[in-house]
Amino acid sequence: MPIYEYVCDSCGIRFERMQHMDEPPLTVCPECNGHVHRVFQPVGIIFKGSGFYVTDNRAKSSTSAPGPKKTDDSETRSKTNGKEESDE
């Protein structure tokens, strides 16, 4: 059975009730008989395993982020003994 959390609109108290999923939500505060509403809480979900995000540690694939850009060989010149080589 799930535990539902409620908040009273009049007095502001928060309380929990264990109810079947079939039961209608509570509408009356047990303290002041004011109107209450159900509070929805975020669910703690943990995705385990590889492949959920690009930043996960996984094997290289075609969908992975590109690596550092390589320089073009024609733009770089190798130096030999402190002198530049030339294409003669």
C-alpha atoms as a PDB file:
ATOM      1  CA  MET A   1       0.000   0.000   0.000  1.00  0.00           C
ATOM      2  CA  PRO A   2       1.384   3.424  -0.897  1.00  0.00           C
ATOM      3  CA  ILE A   3       1.813   6.212   1.629  1.00  0.00           C
ATOM      4  CA  TYR A   4       0.311   9.523   0.524  1.00  0.00           C
ATOM      5  CA  GLU A   5       1.248  12.925   1.941  1.00  0.00           C
ATOM      6  CA  TYR A   6      -1.418  15.589   2.496  1.00  0.00           C
ATOM      7  CA  VAL A   7      -1.327  19.298   3.396  1.00  0.00           C
ATOM      8  CA  CYS A   8      -4.146  21.231   5.034  1.00  0.00           C
ATOM      9  CA  ASP A   9      -5.070  24.511   3.323  1.00  0.00           C
ATOM     10  CA  SER A  10      -6.377  26.011   6.588  1.00  0.00           C
ATOM     11  CA  CYS A  11      -3.847  25.141   9.300  1.00  0.00           C
ATOM     12  CA  GLY A  12      -0.912  24.054   7.090  1.00  0.00           C
ATOM     13  CA  ILE A  13      -0.099  20.754   8.805  1.00  0.00           C
ATOM     14  CA  ARG A  14       1.445  17.959   6.755  1.00  0.00           C
ATOM     15  CA  PHE A  15       0.507  14.365   7.440  1.00  0.00           C
ATOM     16  CA  GLU A  16       0.770  10.972   5.782  1.00  0.00           C
ATOM     17  CA  ARG A  17      -1.802   8.236   5.324  1.00  0.00           C
ATOM     18  CA  MET A  18      -1.361   4.690   4.080  1.00  0.00           C
ATOM     19  CA  GLN A  19      -4.178   4.054   1.606  1.00  0.00           C
ATOM     20  CA  HIS A  20      -5.068   1.590  -1.098  1.00  0.00           C
ATOM     21  CA  MET A  21      -4.759   2.926  -4.624  1.00  0.00           C
ATOM     22  CA  ASP A  22      -8.511   2.354  -5.060  1.00  0.00           C
ATOM     23  CA  GLU A  23      -9.481   4.638  -2.165  1.00  0.00           C
ATOM     24  CA  PRO A  24     -10.456   8.237  -2.912  1.00  0.00           C
ATOM     25  CA  PRO A  25      -8.062  10.923  -1.599  1.00  0.00           C
ATOM     26  CA  LEU A  26      -8.771  12.522   1.777  1.00  0.00           C
ATOM     27  CA  THR A  27     -10.565  15.879   1.749  1.00  0.00           C
ATOM     28  CA  VAL A  28     -10.888  16.760   5.461  1.00  0.00           C
ATOM     29  CA  CYS A  29      -8.056  17.670   7.860  1.00  0.00           C
ATOM     30  CA  PRO A  30      -7.942  15.486  11.007  1.00  0.00           C
ATOM     31  CA  GLU A  31      -6.899  18.519  13.135  1.00  0.00           C
ATOM     32  CA  CYS A  32      -9.119  21.428  12.064  1.00  0.00           C
ATOM     33  CA  ASN A  33     -11.601  19.835   9.613  1.00  0.00           C
ATOM     34  CA  GLY A  34     -10.320  22.123   6.839  1.00  0.00           C
ATOM     35  CA  HIS A  35      -9.758  21.156   3.203  1.00  0.00           C
ATOM     36  CA  VAL A  36      -6.644  19.072   2.421  1.00  0.00           C
ATOM     37  CA  HIS A  37      -4.917  18.232  -0.832  1.00  0.00           C
ATOM     38  CA  ARG A  38      -2.467  15.495  -1.784  1.00  0.00           C
ATOM     39  CA  VAL A  39       1.188  16.482  -2.228  1.00  0.00           C
ATOM     40  CA  PHE A  40       3.019  14.808  -5.099  1.00  0.00           C
ATOM     41  CA  GLN A  41       6.640  14.003  -4.343  1.00  0.00           C
ATOM     42  CA  PRO A  42       9.388  13.388  -6.898  1.00  0.00           C
ATOM     43  CA  VAL A  43      10.291   9.756  -7.294  1.00  0.00           C
ATOM     44  CA  GLY A  44      13.903   8.761  -6.753  1.00  0.00           C
ATOM     45  CA  ILE A  45      14.895   6.881  -9.898  1.00  0.00           C
ATOM     46  CA  ILE A  46      18.448   5.736 -10.496  1.00  0.00           C
ATOM     47  CA  PHE A  47      19.319   4.509 -13.975  1.00  0.00           C
ATOM     48  CA  LYS A  48      22.080   1.924 -13.756  1.00  0.00           C
ATOM     49  CA  GLY A  49      24.003   0.544 -16.666  1.00  0.00           C
ATOM     50  CA  SER A  50      25.637   2.039 -19.706  1.00  0.00           C
ATOM     51  CA  GLY A  51      24.062   4.037 -22.463  1.00  0.00           C
ATOM     52  CA  PHE A  52      21.770   6.476 -20.696  1.00  0.00           C
ATOM     53  CA  TYR A  53      23.811   9.630 -21.288  1.00  0.00           C
ATOM     54  CA  VAL A  54      26.586  10.654 -23.683  1.00  0.00           C
ATOM     55  CA  THR A  55      28.830  11.423 -20.707  1.00  0.00           C
ATOM     56  CA  ASP A  56      28.588   7.879 -19.309  1.00  0.00           C
ATOM     57  CA  ASN A  57      31.678   5.725 -19.236  1.00  0.00           C
ATOM     58  CA  ARG A  58      31.150   3.357 -22.105  1.00  0.00           C
ATOM     59  CA  ALA A  59      32.841   1.973 -25.180  1.00  0.00           C
ATOM     60  CA  LYS A  60      33.551   4.319 -28.077  1.00  0.00           C
ATOM     61  CA  SER A  61      30.713   4.431 -30.573  1.00  0.00           C
ATOM     62  CA  SER A  62      29.550   6.496 -33.507  1.00  0.00           C
ATOM     63  CA  THR A  63      27.239   8.482 -31.219  1.00  0.00           C
ATOM     64  CA  SER A  64      29.978   9.564 -28.819  1.00  0.00           C
ATOM     65  CA  ALA A  65      31.157  13.170 -28.673  1.00  0.00           C
ATOM     66  CA  PRO A  66      33.896  14.103 -31.153  1.00  0.00           C
ATOM     67  CA  GLY A  67      37.470  14.235 -29.898  1.00  0.00           C
ATOM     68  CA  PRO A  68      39.911  17.145 -30.227  1.00  0.00           C
ATOM     69  CA  LYS A  69      40.321  18.516 -33.740  1.00  0.00           C
ATOM     70  CA  LYS A  70      43.491  17.404 -35.526  1.00  0.00           C
ATOM     71  CA  THR A  71      45.623  19.908 -37.419  1.00  0.00           C
ATOM     72  CA  ASP A  72      46.144  19.602 -41.158  1.00  0.00           C
ATOM     73  CA  ASP A  73      49.577  18.254 -42.227  1.00  0.00           C
ATOM     74  CA  SER A  74      49.962  20.930 -44.932  1.00  0.00           C
ATOM     75  CA  GLU A  75      49.778  23.687 -42.335  1.00  0.00           C
ATOM     76  CA  THR A  76      52.500  22.273 -40.119  1.00  0.00           C
ATOM     77  CA  ARG A  77      56.114  22.186 -41.162  1.00  0.00           C
ATOM     78  CA  SER A  78      58.705  20.017 -39.560  1.00  0.00           C
ATOM     79  CA  LYS A  79      61.978  21.549 -38.519  1.00  0.00           C
ATOM     80  CA  THR A  80      65.295  19.820 -38.973  1.00  0.00           C
ATOM     81  CA  ASN A  81      68.306  21.166 -37.113  1.00  0.00           C
ATOM     82  CA  GLY A  82      66.554  24.461 -36.450  1.00  0.00           C
ATOM     83  CA  LYS A  83      65.908  25.144 -40.173  1.00  0.00           C
ATOM     84  CA  GLU A  84      62.620  24.779 -42.023  1.00  0.00           C
ATOM     85  CA  GLU A  85      62.361  22.170 -44.749  1.00  0.00           C
ATOM     86  CA  SER A  86      61.251  23.403 -48.120  1.00  0.00           C
ATOM     87  CA  ASP A  87      59.642  21.562 -51.026  1.00  0.00           C
ATOM     88  CA  GLU A  88      62.070  22.111 -53.908  1.00  0.00           C
END
